[in-house]
């Protein structure tokens, strides 16, 4: 009897100890679920709950969530996860891959493209994606105007304009669309893959009208939830996404934190999980932190100082050439890019076909700059406004500090530059109207074609859109239109090299840098493949 009682007491004692140990284990609520509810079988240690929410810190807010209404990169960072295009780019390049279209067939003469569409896809509002939806999106864009959409910079104007590329878009059946062109356009398919041409729900466009820019509805891996301007944009997982098993994340929050250093502090404090716009000077600190990692974005950009050429004295080519000679690009790169950039001499990045490496850059030569100013009629210099970007961009990590270096160099040739800035949205609005003497900006390529840099940024067709310098050259225009219509890439490359010679001589810009942008994030962040366009589709991103 006493023996049995002792055994019972021992058993009770062990039971109490075991209970106490379990109580001290500190596991998550999920970790204490029964095996039938997802816990590992008895005898295995429960794993910590996997993080499913990503907070992405970035340098500025979006200006719209309707991608066709802007060319601004902070918009596309968000919208590529809400909307999908007919054709995708490769995961880290601009090769053409299936998107909402699974296959495409061009005619021999390059005037027709037939696209087969993906079946079983729904918009976030539950309506069907089909050929009619594609037609309605293109009819909306083609019948717009320059105040609404920058569409025309890719397709030669709007419907009815002399240079418009697309003659008609027809739904041949529910899942077949045919594009008929007025003239061949070599980068046509690459243009279709660009972020602005994400397909929107026709029902939502009708429902929201002009407010669609704040109520976006696409077919993408994430759905729009909320936009608190200059603070955050929240997206949530699309449970009906057509790609089985994706997206991995349940929620994405895009946080606007303008200063790179403040964004890094937020990452170190665990307030965000991923950031772009890493200061090169912070790279060593990040790489030395065992809880962080860096991601390198393939370079496809240019940062530049633009001159508004219809404003005196910038209407004088010699003045523009003089200012090109008065910029120490190597010094700027050493001071602000940590070696993660190279000096620019052309508007086209060296990685793109058609880059003209034979062009000699304007050397940093203050004596030559003074000589050219005197020849232009300004031996004592002049006064000007120098507009500096208010937000960091991949090609310009600190616009104000770079502007100060340029200001100092200009002063040495008698040019007194007053640095000015405004908020990002106003900056872009004023620049597109030609209200600046000189302005700092840049461009990250959309599609990997030279047309997307030279025609989009410096052709007369793009004045009022991305040609903020109001630069117009008829010879250049004829070359660029010819390059669009020739299918042979080698012939196109030769035309683009000639175009760069014209631009170098006219100097509507002072090209500054081509940078290699960095991102930083938590060590357990997986599946992120930064894209050269600067817009990262986060479908496959997850935490270990």
Protein backbone atom coordinates (compact mmCIF):
# COMPACT_ATOMS: atom_id res chain seq x y z
CA UNK A 1 0.00 0.00 0.00
CA UNK A 2 2.73 2.48 1.01
CA UNK A 3 4.71 1.54 -2.08
CA UNK A 4 1.78 2.25 -4.38
CA UNK A 5 1.14 5.59 -2.62
CA UNK A 6 4.81 6.59 -3.11
CA UNK A 7 4.60 5.79 -6.77
CA UNK A 8 1.44 7.91 -7.04
CA UNK A 9 3.08 10.88 -5.27
CA UNK A 10 6.12 10.61 -7.52
CA UNK A 11 3.90 10.60 -10.56
CA UNK A 12 2.01 13.69 -9.37
CA UNK A 13 5.31 15.47 -8.65
CA UNK A 14 6.63 14.73 -12.16
CA UNK A 15 3.35 15.88 -13.66
CA UNK A 16 3.56 19.21 -11.82
CA UNK A 17 7.17 19.74 -12.91
CA UNK A 18 6.31 18.96 -16.52
CA UNK A 19 3.40 21.40 -16.43
CA UNK A 20 5.63 24.10 -14.99
CA UNK A 21 8.24 23.56 -17.69
CA UNK A 22 5.61 23.80 -20.41
CA UNK A 23 4.31 27.00 -18.86
CA UNK A 24 7.82 28.49 -18.95
CA UNK A 25 8.40 27.51 -22.58
CA UNK A 26 7.17 30.91 -23.92
CA UNK A 27 5.99 29.51 -27.26
CA UNK A 28 3.54 31.32 -29.48
CA UNK A 29 -0.14 30.60 -29.35
CA UNK A 30 0.24 28.66 -32.56
CA UNK A 31 3.06 26.66 -31.00
CA UNK A 32 0.68 25.40 -28.30
CA UNK A 33 -1.91 24.10 -30.70
CA UNK A 34 -2.58 20.37 -30.87
CA UNK A 35 -0.97 18.27 -33.63
CA UNK A 36 -4.31 18.14 -35.40
CA UNK A 37 -4.25 21.95 -35.71
CA UNK A 38 -0.85 22.21 -37.31
CA UNK A 39 1.70 21.61 -34.52
CA UNK A 40 4.60 19.28 -35.17
CA UNK A 41 4.17 15.73 -33.80
CA UNK A 42 4.97 15.09 -30.13
CA UNK A 43 8.69 14.88 -29.49
CA UNK A 44 9.61 17.71 -31.92
CA UNK A 45 10.26 21.32 -30.85
CA UNK A 46 7.55 23.68 -32.15
CA UNK A 47 8.94 26.26 -34.60
CA UNK A 48 8.46 30.00 -34.14
CA UNK A 49 5.60 31.53 -36.12
CA UNK A 50 6.81 32.58 -39.57
CA UNK A 51 6.53 36.28 -40.36
CA UNK A 52 4.04 36.97 -43.17
CA UNK A 53 3.95 40.80 -43.21
CA UNK A 54 6.60 42.84 -45.03
CA UNK A 55 7.21 46.51 -44.26
CA UNK A 56 9.12 48.13 -47.14
CA UNK A 57 10.73 51.50 -46.39
CA UNK A 58 11.20 53.79 -49.38
CA UNK A 59 12.28 57.36 -50.02
CA UNK A 60 9.03 58.94 -51.14
CA UNK A 61 5.31 58.45 -51.50
CA UNK A 62 3.56 57.44 -54.71
CA UNK A 63 1.89 60.20 -56.68
CA UNK A 64 -0.89 57.92 -58.00
CA UNK A 65 -1.96 54.28 -57.83
CA UNK A 66 -3.21 54.29 -61.42
CA UNK A 67 0.05 53.46 -63.21
CA UNK A 68 -0.96 54.89 -66.59
CA UNK A 69 -1.18 58.41 -65.12
CA UNK A 70 2.50 58.81 -64.26
CA UNK A 71 6.08 57.87 -65.06
CA UNK A 72 7.14 58.15 -61.41
CA UNK A 73 9.07 55.24 -59.90
CA UNK A 74 7.58 55.30 -56.40
CA UNK A 75 4.18 54.67 -57.97
CA UNK A 76 5.41 51.64 -59.90
CA UNK A 77 7.01 50.09 -56.80
CA UNK A 78 3.48 49.62 -55.52
CA UNK A 79 1.40 49.17 -58.66
CA UNK A 80 3.47 46.27 -60.10
CA UNK A 81 2.11 44.25 -57.18
CA UNK A 82 -1.51 45.28 -57.83
CA UNK A 83 -1.67 45.24 -61.63
CA UNK A 84 -0.28 42.83 -64.20
CA UNK A 85 0.78 43.47 -67.76
CA UNK A 86 0.08 41.35 -70.82
CA UNK A 87 3.77 40.44 -71.03
CA UNK A 88 6.26 40.20 -68.17
CA UNK A 89 9.99 40.82 -68.01
CA UNK A 90 12.42 38.22 -66.71
CA UNK A 91 13.03 38.10 -62.97
CA UNK A 92 16.18 40.23 -63.21
CA UNK A 93 16.31 41.33 -66.84
CA UNK A 94 14.07 42.64 -69.60
CA UNK A 95 13.62 39.45 -71.60
CA UNK A 96 10.00 38.86 -72.56
CA UNK A 97 8.07 36.29 -70.53
CA UNK A 98 4.39 35.25 -70.32
CA UNK A 99 2.15 37.45 -68.20
CA UNK A 100 -1.58 37.89 -68.64
CA UNK A 101 -0.83 36.75 -72.18
CA UNK A 102 0.60 33.26 -72.47
CA UNK A 103 1.86 33.57 -76.04
CA UNK A 104 2.13 36.13 -78.85
CA UNK A 105 2.59 35.93 -82.59
CA UNK A 106 3.78 38.83 -84.79
CA UNK A 107 3.02 39.00 -88.49
CA UNK A 108 5.91 38.94 -90.95
CA UNK A 109 5.52 42.64 -91.74
CA UNK A 110 5.46 43.62 -88.04
CA UNK A 111 2.04 45.25 -88.33
CA UNK A 112 -0.03 42.69 -86.42
CA UNK A 113 0.42 41.00 -83.06
CA UNK A 114 -1.95 38.26 -81.89
CA UNK A 115 -1.91 37.51 -78.15
CA UNK A 116 -3.45 34.50 -76.42
CA UNK A 117 -4.67 35.42 -72.93
CA UNK A 118 -4.48 33.49 -69.68
CA UNK A 119 -7.81 31.92 -68.75
CA UNK A 120 -9.38 31.74 -65.31
CA UNK A 121 -7.97 35.09 -64.08
CA UNK A 122 -10.14 37.45 -62.06
CA UNK A 123 -9.76 41.08 -61.08
CA UNK A 124 -9.71 41.89 -57.37
CA UNK A 125 -13.37 42.95 -57.57
CA UNK A 126 -14.37 39.46 -58.73
CA UNK A 127 -14.95 40.37 -62.39
CA UNK A 128 -13.39 38.34 -65.19
CA UNK A 129 -10.19 39.20 -67.01
CA UNK A 130 -10.68 38.63 -70.73
CA UNK A 131 -10.07 40.12 -74.17
CA UNK A 132 -12.79 42.74 -73.74
CA UNK A 133 -11.02 44.03 -70.63
CA UNK A 134 -7.79 44.43 -72.60
CA UNK A 135 -9.57 46.31 -75.39
CA UNK A 136 -11.28 48.64 -72.91
CA UNK A 137 -7.98 49.48 -71.22
CA UNK A 138 -6.29 50.34 -74.51
CA UNK A 139 -9.28 52.33 -75.73
CA UNK A 140 -9.09 54.33 -72.50
CA UNK A 141 -5.39 55.02 -72.97
CA UNK A 142 -5.48 55.68 -76.71
CA UNK A 143 -8.34 58.15 -76.43
CA UNK A 144 -6.74 60.10 -73.59
CA UNK A 145 -4.62 63.21 -73.71
CA UNK A 146 -1.26 64.39 -72.42
CA UNK A 147 -2.79 65.88 -69.25
CA UNK A 148 -4.13 62.44 -68.31
CA UNK A 149 -1.67 59.83 -69.49
CA UNK A 150 1.99 59.70 -70.57
CA UNK A 151 0.91 56.80 -72.81
CA UNK A 152 1.83 58.70 -75.95
CA UNK A 153 5.56 58.68 -75.21
CA UNK A 154 5.60 54.93 -75.87
CA UNK A 155 3.15 54.71 -78.76
CA UNK A 156 3.79 57.90 -80.73
CA UNK A 157 0.83 59.96 -79.61
CA UNK A 158 -2.86 59.29 -79.07
CA UNK A 159 -5.48 57.85 -81.41
CA UNK A 160 -5.80 60.11 -84.43
CA UNK A 161 -2.36 61.67 -84.02
CA UNK A 162 -0.13 61.38 -87.06
CA UNK A 163 2.57 59.36 -85.29
CA UNK A 164 0.29 57.04 -83.28
CA UNK A 165 1.51 53.46 -83.54
CA UNK A 166 -1.64 51.46 -82.74
CA UNK A 167 -4.36 51.42 -85.41
CA UNK A 168 -6.79 49.22 -83.49
CA UNK A 169 -7.13 46.60 -80.75
CA UNK A 170 -9.73 43.88 -81.35
CA UNK A 171 -11.04 40.99 -79.24
CA UNK A 172 -11.13 38.06 -81.66
CA UNK A 173 -12.67 35.82 -78.99
CA UNK A 174 -12.81 35.79 -75.18
CA UNK A 175 -9.10 35.07 -74.83
CA UNK A 176 -7.52 36.32 -78.06
CA UNK A 177 -6.54 39.94 -78.75
CA UNK A 178 -5.14 41.31 -82.01
CA UNK A 179 -3.17 44.56 -82.21
CA UNK A 180 -2.94 46.17 -85.65
CA UNK A 181 -0.29 48.87 -86.03
CA UNK A 182 -0.08 51.88 -88.31
CA UNK A 183 3.66 51.32 -88.65
CA UNK A 184 6.11 48.77 -87.33
CA UNK A 185 7.49 49.48 -83.87
CA UNK A 186 10.54 47.41 -82.91
CA UNK A 187 10.08 47.73 -79.11
CA UNK A 188 6.29 47.16 -79.26
CA UNK A 189 6.24 44.00 -77.12
CA UNK A 190 8.72 45.44 -74.63
CA UNK A 191 6.48 48.48 -74.31
CA UNK A 192 3.49 46.26 -73.52
CA UNK A 193 5.44 44.85 -70.56
CA UNK A 194 6.03 48.29 -69.02
CA UNK A 195 4.52 49.12 -65.63
CA UNK A 196 2.16 51.86 -66.90
CA UNK A 197 0.29 49.29 -68.99
CA UNK A 198 -1.03 47.19 -66.11
CA UNK A 199 -4.54 46.01 -66.95
CA UNK A 200 -7.26 47.52 -64.74
CA UNK A 201 -10.76 46.26 -64.00
CA UNK A 202 -13.15 47.99 -66.45
CA UNK A 203 -15.91 47.83 -63.85
CA UNK A 204 -13.71 49.57 -61.29
CA UNK A 205 -12.68 52.22 -63.82
CA UNK A 206 -16.34 52.99 -64.43
CA UNK A 207 -17.20 52.88 -60.72
CA UNK A 208 -14.44 55.18 -59.45
CA UNK A 209 -13.80 57.44 -62.43
CA UNK A 210 -11.11 59.99 -61.60
CA UNK A 211 -10.81 58.47 -58.11
CA UNK A 212 -9.48 55.21 -59.55
CA UNK A 213 -5.98 56.50 -58.81
CA UNK A 214 -6.81 56.05 -55.12
CA UNK A 215 -8.87 52.87 -55.56
CA UNK A 216 -6.77 50.61 -57.81
CA UNK A 217 -8.17 47.24 -58.92
CA UNK A 218 -6.02 44.84 -60.92
CA UNK A 219 -5.34 41.11 -61.20
CA UNK A 220 -2.02 41.06 -59.34
CA UNK A 221 -0.78 39.06 -56.35
CA UNK A 222 -1.80 41.77 -53.87
CA UNK A 223 -4.95 43.84 -53.37
CA UNK A 224 -5.13 47.47 -52.34
CA UNK A 225 -6.29 48.16 -48.76
CA UNK A 226 -5.35 51.69 -47.69
CA UNK A 227 -3.31 54.77 -48.60
CA UNK A 228 -2.30 57.27 -45.92
CA UNK A 229 -0.52 59.88 -47.98
CA UNK A 230 3.13 60.56 -47.14
CA UNK A 231 2.97 57.74 -44.61
CA UNK A 232 2.04 54.27 -45.87
CA UNK A 233 0.27 52.21 -48.50
CA UNK A 234 -1.09 48.83 -47.40
CA UNK A 235 -1.71 45.83 -49.65
CA UNK A 236 -3.01 42.39 -48.73
CA UNK A 237 -2.72 38.97 -50.32
CA UNK A 238 -5.00 38.21 -53.24
CA UNK A 239 -6.47 34.84 -52.17
CA UNK A 240 -7.73 34.16 -55.70
CA UNK A 241 -4.42 34.79 -57.45
CA UNK A 242 -4.00 32.60 -60.52
CA UNK A 243 -0.45 31.46 -59.67
CA UNK A 244 -0.89 28.45 -57.39
CA UNK A 245 0.80 28.77 -54.00
CA UNK A 246 1.51 32.49 -54.34
CA UNK A 247 1.94 35.09 -53.05
CA UNK A 248 3.78 33.95 -49.94
CA UNK A 249 3.19 37.10 -47.89
CA UNK A 250 -0.15 38.02 -46.33
CA UNK A 251 0.44 41.78 -46.27
CA UNK A 252 2.82 44.45 -47.57
CA UNK A 253 3.14 47.94 -46.13
CA UNK A 254 5.07 50.54 -48.13
CA UNK A 255 6.36 53.14 -45.66
CA UNK A 256 7.51 56.59 -46.80
CA UNK A 257 10.69 57.61 -44.96
CA UNK A 258 12.43 60.35 -46.99
CA UNK A 259 15.94 60.28 -45.50
CA UNK A 260 18.18 57.29 -46.21
CA UNK A 261 19.73 57.44 -42.73
CA UNK A 262 16.32 57.55 -41.05
CA UNK A 263 15.25 54.56 -43.12
CA UNK A 264 18.32 52.63 -42.02
CA UNK A 265 17.61 53.47 -38.38
CA UNK A 266 14.09 52.13 -38.86
CA UNK A 267 15.54 48.90 -40.28
CA UNK A 268 17.98 48.56 -37.38
CA UNK A 269 15.13 49.14 -34.92
CA UNK A 270 12.98 46.46 -36.55
CA UNK A 271 10.33 48.99 -37.65
CA UNK A 272 10.77 47.99 -41.30
CA UNK A 273 11.98 44.77 -42.93
CA UNK A 274 13.38 46.07 -46.22
CA UNK A 275 14.67 49.40 -47.49
CA UNK A 276 15.90 50.88 -50.73
CA UNK A 277 18.20 53.86 -51.08
CA UNK A 278 21.14 52.61 -49.02
CA UNK A 279 23.80 55.25 -48.51
CA UNK A 280 27.09 53.78 -49.78
CA UNK A 281 28.72 55.11 -46.61
CA UNK A 282 26.42 52.82 -44.59
CA UNK A 283 27.31 49.68 -46.52
CA UNK A 284 30.05 48.53 -44.14
CA UNK A 285 27.74 48.90 -41.14
CA UNK A 286 25.02 46.85 -42.82
CA UNK A 287 27.35 44.10 -43.99
CA UNK A 288 28.81 43.86 -40.49
CA UNK A 289 25.40 43.28 -38.93
CA UNK A 290 24.58 39.54 -38.70
CA UNK A 291 20.83 40.28 -38.75
CA UNK A 292 20.92 42.16 -42.07
CA UNK A 293 21.78 41.54 -45.72
CA UNK A 294 22.18 43.66 -48.83
CA UNK A 295 20.66 43.22 -52.28
CA UNK A 296 22.20 44.69 -55.45
CA UNK A 297 19.92 45.99 -58.16
CA UNK A 298 21.22 45.49 -61.73
CA UNK A 299 22.13 48.93 -63.08
CA UNK A 300 19.94 50.43 -65.81
CA UNK A 301 19.72 54.12 -64.99
CA UNK A 302 21.11 57.61 -65.46
CA UNK A 303 21.21 60.58 -63.10
CA UNK A 304 21.54 63.96 -64.78
CA UNK A 305 21.44 67.74 -64.50
CA UNK A 306 18.98 68.99 -67.10
CA UNK A 307 18.87 72.44 -68.67
CA UNK A 308 15.56 73.92 -69.79
CA UNK A 309 16.70 74.94 -73.26
CA UNK A 310 13.91 77.41 -74.05
CA UNK A 311 14.95 79.65 -71.13
CA UNK A 312 17.89 82.03 -71.53
CA UNK A 313 20.82 81.66 -71.13
CA UNK A 314 20.25 77.88 -71.44
CA UNK A 315 19.00 78.36 -74.99
CA UNK A 316 22.68 78.85 -75.88
CA UNK A 317 24.49 75.58 -76.63
CA UNK A 318 27.85 77.04 -75.57
CA UNK A 319 26.49 77.81 -72.10
CA UNK A 320 25.28 74.23 -71.72
CA UNK A 321 28.63 72.87 -72.88
CA UNK A 322 30.45 75.16 -70.43
CA UNK A 323 28.40 73.88 -67.51
CA UNK A 324 29.15 70.31 -68.57
CA UNK A 325 32.86 71.13 -68.24
CA UNK A 326 32.26 72.59 -64.75
CA UNK A 327 31.02 69.40 -63.05
CA UNK A 328 33.43 67.08 -61.24
CA UNK A 329 31.64 63.77 -61.76
CA UNK A 330 34.47 61.67 -60.34
CA UNK A 331 34.49 63.76 -57.17
CA UNK A 332 30.72 63.44 -56.79
CA UNK A 333 30.91 59.65 -57.19
CA UNK A 334 33.73 59.35 -54.67
CA UNK A 335 31.89 61.52 -52.13
CA UNK A 336 28.36 60.16 -52.40
CA UNK A 337 28.31 56.81 -54.23
CA UNK A 338 31.07 54.84 -52.52
CA UNK A 339 32.32 53.52 -55.85
CA UNK A 340 28.88 52.11 -56.73
CA UNK A 341 28.52 54.30 -59.82
CA UNK A 342 30.37 55.31 -62.95
CA UNK A 343 30.51 58.71 -64.66
CA UNK A 344 27.91 59.21 -67.38
CA UNK A 345 28.65 60.75 -70.77
CA UNK A 346 25.50 59.64 -72.60
CA UNK A 347 21.82 59.49 -71.67
CA UNK A 348 21.96 55.74 -72.38
CA UNK A 349 23.44 53.34 -69.76
CA UNK A 350 26.45 51.32 -70.96
CA UNK A 351 24.61 48.02 -70.38
CA UNK A 352 22.10 48.71 -73.18
CA UNK A 353 22.53 47.89 -76.83
CA UNK A 354 23.30 50.92 -78.97
CA UNK A 355 25.48 52.61 -76.34
CA UNK A 356 28.09 54.81 -78.05
CA UNK A 357 31.36 54.32 -76.21
CA UNK A 358 33.29 56.26 -78.86
CA UNK A 359 31.93 59.58 -77.59
CA UNK A 360 34.48 61.55 -75.58
CA UNK A 361 33.12 62.87 -72.28
CA UNK A 362 33.30 66.55 -71.36
CA UNK A 363 36.32 66.64 -69.05
CA UNK A 364 36.19 68.56 -65.78
CA UNK A 365 37.98 71.68 -67.00
CA UNK A 366 37.14 75.04 -65.41
CA UNK A 367 39.36 76.98 -67.81
CA UNK A 368 37.57 75.47 -70.79
CA UNK A 369 34.24 76.27 -69.12
CA UNK A 370 35.22 79.94 -68.70
CA UNK A 371 36.38 80.09 -72.32
CA UNK A 372 33.05 78.78 -73.58
CA UNK A 373 31.09 81.18 -71.35
CA UNK A 374 33.07 84.11 -72.72
CA UNK A 375 32.43 82.92 -76.28
CA UNK A 376 28.72 82.71 -75.46
CA UNK A 377 28.73 86.32 -74.24
CA UNK A 378 28.94 85.69 -70.50
CA UNK A 379 32.57 86.41 -69.54
CA UNK A 380 31.50 87.30 -66.00
CA UNK A 381 29.06 84.43 -65.65
CA UNK A 382 25.39 84.79 -64.71
CA UNK A 383 22.86 83.94 -62.01
CA UNK A 384 20.62 80.89 -62.12
CA UNK A 385 18.37 78.63 -60.07
CA UNK A 386 19.52 75.08 -59.48
CA UNK A 387 16.67 72.80 -58.47
CA UNK A 388 17.64 69.85 -56.28
CA UNK A 389 15.59 66.68 -55.83
CA UNK A 390 13.86 66.56 -52.43
CA UNK A 391 13.89 62.75 -52.20
CA UNK A 392 16.64 60.16 -52.63
CA UNK A 393 16.45 58.11 -55.80
CA UNK A 394 18.52 55.12 -56.95
CA UNK A 395 20.56 57.33 -59.26
CA UNK A 396 20.77 60.23 -56.75
CA UNK A 397 21.20 59.19 -53.09
CA UNK A 398 21.40 62.79 -51.79
CA UNK A 399 20.28 65.40 -54.29
CA UNK A 400 20.87 68.38 -52.01
CA UNK A 401 24.50 67.50 -51.28
CA UNK A 402 25.25 66.79 -54.93
CA UNK A 403 23.68 70.15 -55.78
CA UNK A 404 25.97 71.87 -53.28
CA UNK A 405 29.06 70.39 -54.97
CA UNK A 406 27.80 71.54 -58.38
CA UNK A 407 26.98 74.98 -56.95
CA UNK A 408 30.54 75.30 -55.66
CA UNK A 409 32.07 74.37 -59.03
CA UNK A 410 29.78 76.74 -60.93
CA UNK A 411 30.83 79.58 -58.60
CA UNK A 412 34.42 79.11 -59.76
CA UNK A 413 33.43 80.05 -63.31
CA UNK A 414 31.30 83.02 -62.22
CA UNK A 415 27.93 81.23 -62.33
CA UNK A 416 25.99 81.93 -59.15
CA UNK A 417 23.53 79.07 -58.64
CA UNK A 418 20.84 79.37 -55.99
CA UNK A 419 19.72 75.92 -54.83
CA UNK A 420 15.97 75.49 -54.58
CA UNK A 421 13.62 72.58 -53.92
CA UNK A 422 9.98 71.77 -53.22
CA UNK A 423 8.08 68.59 -52.32
CA UNK A 424 8.42 65.70 -54.78
CA UNK A 425 5.00 65.93 -56.41
CA UNK A 426 5.30 69.69 -56.97
CA UNK A 427 8.87 69.25 -58.21
CA UNK A 428 7.70 66.95 -61.00
CA UNK A 429 4.73 69.17 -61.86
CA UNK A 430 6.90 72.26 -62.22
CA UNK A 431 9.65 70.44 -64.12
CA UNK A 432 7.24 69.10 -66.74
CA UNK A 433 6.00 72.66 -67.32
CA UNK A 434 9.55 73.92 -67.94
CA UNK A 435 9.57 76.21 -64.91
CA UNK A 436 13.16 75.42 -63.83
CA UNK A 437 16.42 76.88 -65.15
CA UNK A 438 18.27 73.68 -64.37
CA UNK A 439 17.03 70.65 -62.50
CA UNK A 440 18.38 67.38 -61.13
CA UNK A 441 16.57 64.24 -62.17
CA UNK A 442 17.20 60.77 -63.50
CA UNK A 443 15.62 57.78 -65.16
CA UNK A 444 15.53 54.08 -64.50
CA UNK A 445 14.82 52.16 -67.69
CA UNK A 446 11.40 50.64 -68.17
CA UNK A 447 12.08 48.02 -70.80
CA UNK A 448 15.78 47.70 -71.62
CA UNK A 449 15.45 49.27 -75.07
CA UNK A 450 17.46 52.38 -76.04
CA UNK A 451 14.24 53.92 -77.34
CA UNK A 452 13.01 54.06 -73.74
CA UNK A 453 15.83 56.44 -72.83
CA UNK A 454 16.54 58.59 -75.88
CA UNK A 455 13.07 58.91 -77.44
CA UNK A 456 11.25 58.95 -74.12
CA UNK A 457 13.47 61.54 -72.47
CA UNK A 458 14.82 63.75 -75.26
CA UNK A 459 12.64 63.58 -78.36
CA UNK A 460 10.37 66.49 -79.24
CA UNK A 461 7.37 64.11 -79.03
CA UNK A 462 8.05 63.79 -75.29
CA UNK A 463 7.90 67.51 -74.46
CA UNK A 464 5.19 67.85 -71.85
CA UNK A 465 5.88 64.35 -70.56
CA UNK A 466 9.43 63.19 -69.80
CA UNK A 467 11.38 65.72 -71.88
CA UNK A 468 11.64 68.27 -69.08
CA UNK A 469 14.39 70.16 -70.96
CA UNK A 470 11.99 71.09 -73.79
CA UNK A 471 14.74 69.99 -76.15
CA UNK A 472 13.75 69.63 -79.82
CA UNK A 473 15.94 68.53 -82.71
CA UNK A 474 14.33 67.50 -86.01
CA UNK A 475 17.33 65.46 -87.15
CA UNK A 476 17.29 63.54 -83.89
CA UNK A 477 13.55 62.96 -84.20
CA UNK A 478 13.85 61.48 -87.69
CA UNK A 479 16.61 59.14 -86.53
CA UNK A 480 14.61 57.94 -83.53
CA UNK A 481 11.44 57.29 -85.55
CA UNK A 482 13.47 55.34 -88.10
CA UNK A 483 15.05 53.30 -85.29
CA UNK A 484 11.59 52.42 -84.01
CA UNK A 485 10.48 51.03 -87.36
CA UNK A 486 13.51 48.86 -88.20
CA UNK A 487 13.37 45.29 -86.84
CA UNK A 488 17.10 44.61 -87.25
CA UNK A 489 18.78 45.41 -83.92
CA UNK A 490 22.24 46.07 -85.40
CA UNK A 491 20.83 48.72 -87.72
CA UNK A 492 18.92 50.23 -84.82
CA UNK A 493 22.10 50.33 -82.73
CA UNK A 494 23.90 52.39 -85.35
CA UNK A 495 21.06 54.89 -85.42
CA UNK A 496 21.10 55.22 -81.65
CA UNK A 497 24.85 55.83 -81.71
CA UNK A 498 24.28 58.69 -84.16
CA UNK A 499 21.52 60.02 -81.90
CA UNK A 500 23.92 60.12 -78.95
CA UNK A 501 26.43 62.16 -81.01
CA UNK A 502 23.76 64.79 -81.68
CA UNK A 503 22.72 64.92 -78.04
CA UNK A 504 26.32 65.16 -76.85
CA UNK A 505 26.93 68.15 -79.11
CA UNK A 506 23.69 69.92 -78.16
CA UNK A 507 24.09 69.15 -74.44
CA UNK A 508 20.51 69.57 -73.19
CA UNK A 509 21.77 67.68 -70.12
CA UNK A 510 24.89 67.20 -68.14
CA UNK A 511 24.75 63.40 -67.67
CA UNK A 512 26.17 62.67 -64.21
CA UNK A 513 26.17 59.01 -63.18
CA UNK A 514 25.01 55.47 -63.81
CA UNK A 515 24.59 53.93 -60.36
CA UNK A 516 24.33 50.43 -58.94
CA UNK A 517 21.54 50.81 -56.35
CA UNK A 518 21.50 48.81 -53.12
CA UNK A 519 18.72 47.57 -50.88
CA UNK A 520 19.05 46.24 -47.35
CA UNK A 521 16.79 43.89 -45.44
CA UNK A 522 16.45 41.37 -42.69
CA UNK A 523 18.68 38.31 -42.91
CA UNK A 524 15.73 35.89 -43.04
CA UNK A 525 14.12 37.65 -46.01
CA UNK A 526 14.16 35.31 -49.01
CA UNK A 527 13.04 35.37 -52.63
CA UNK A 528 13.75 39.04 -53.35
CA UNK A 529 15.28 39.56 -56.80
CA UNK A 530 15.71 43.32 -57.36
CA UNK A 531 14.73 44.26 -60.88
CA UNK A 532 16.74 46.67 -63.06
CA UNK A 533 13.56 48.68 -63.73
CA UNK A 534 13.42 49.56 -60.02
CA UNK A 535 10.00 47.96 -59.59
CA UNK A 536 10.07 44.71 -57.65
CA UNK A 537 7.26 42.17 -57.92
CA UNK A 538 7.05 40.65 -54.45
CA UNK A 539 5.04 37.52 -55.31
CA UNK A 540 7.76 35.06 -54.25
CA UNK A 541 9.19 36.98 -51.27
CA UNK A 542 8.91 35.31 -47.89
CA UNK A 543 10.57 35.06 -44.47
CA UNK A 544 12.33 31.93 -43.22
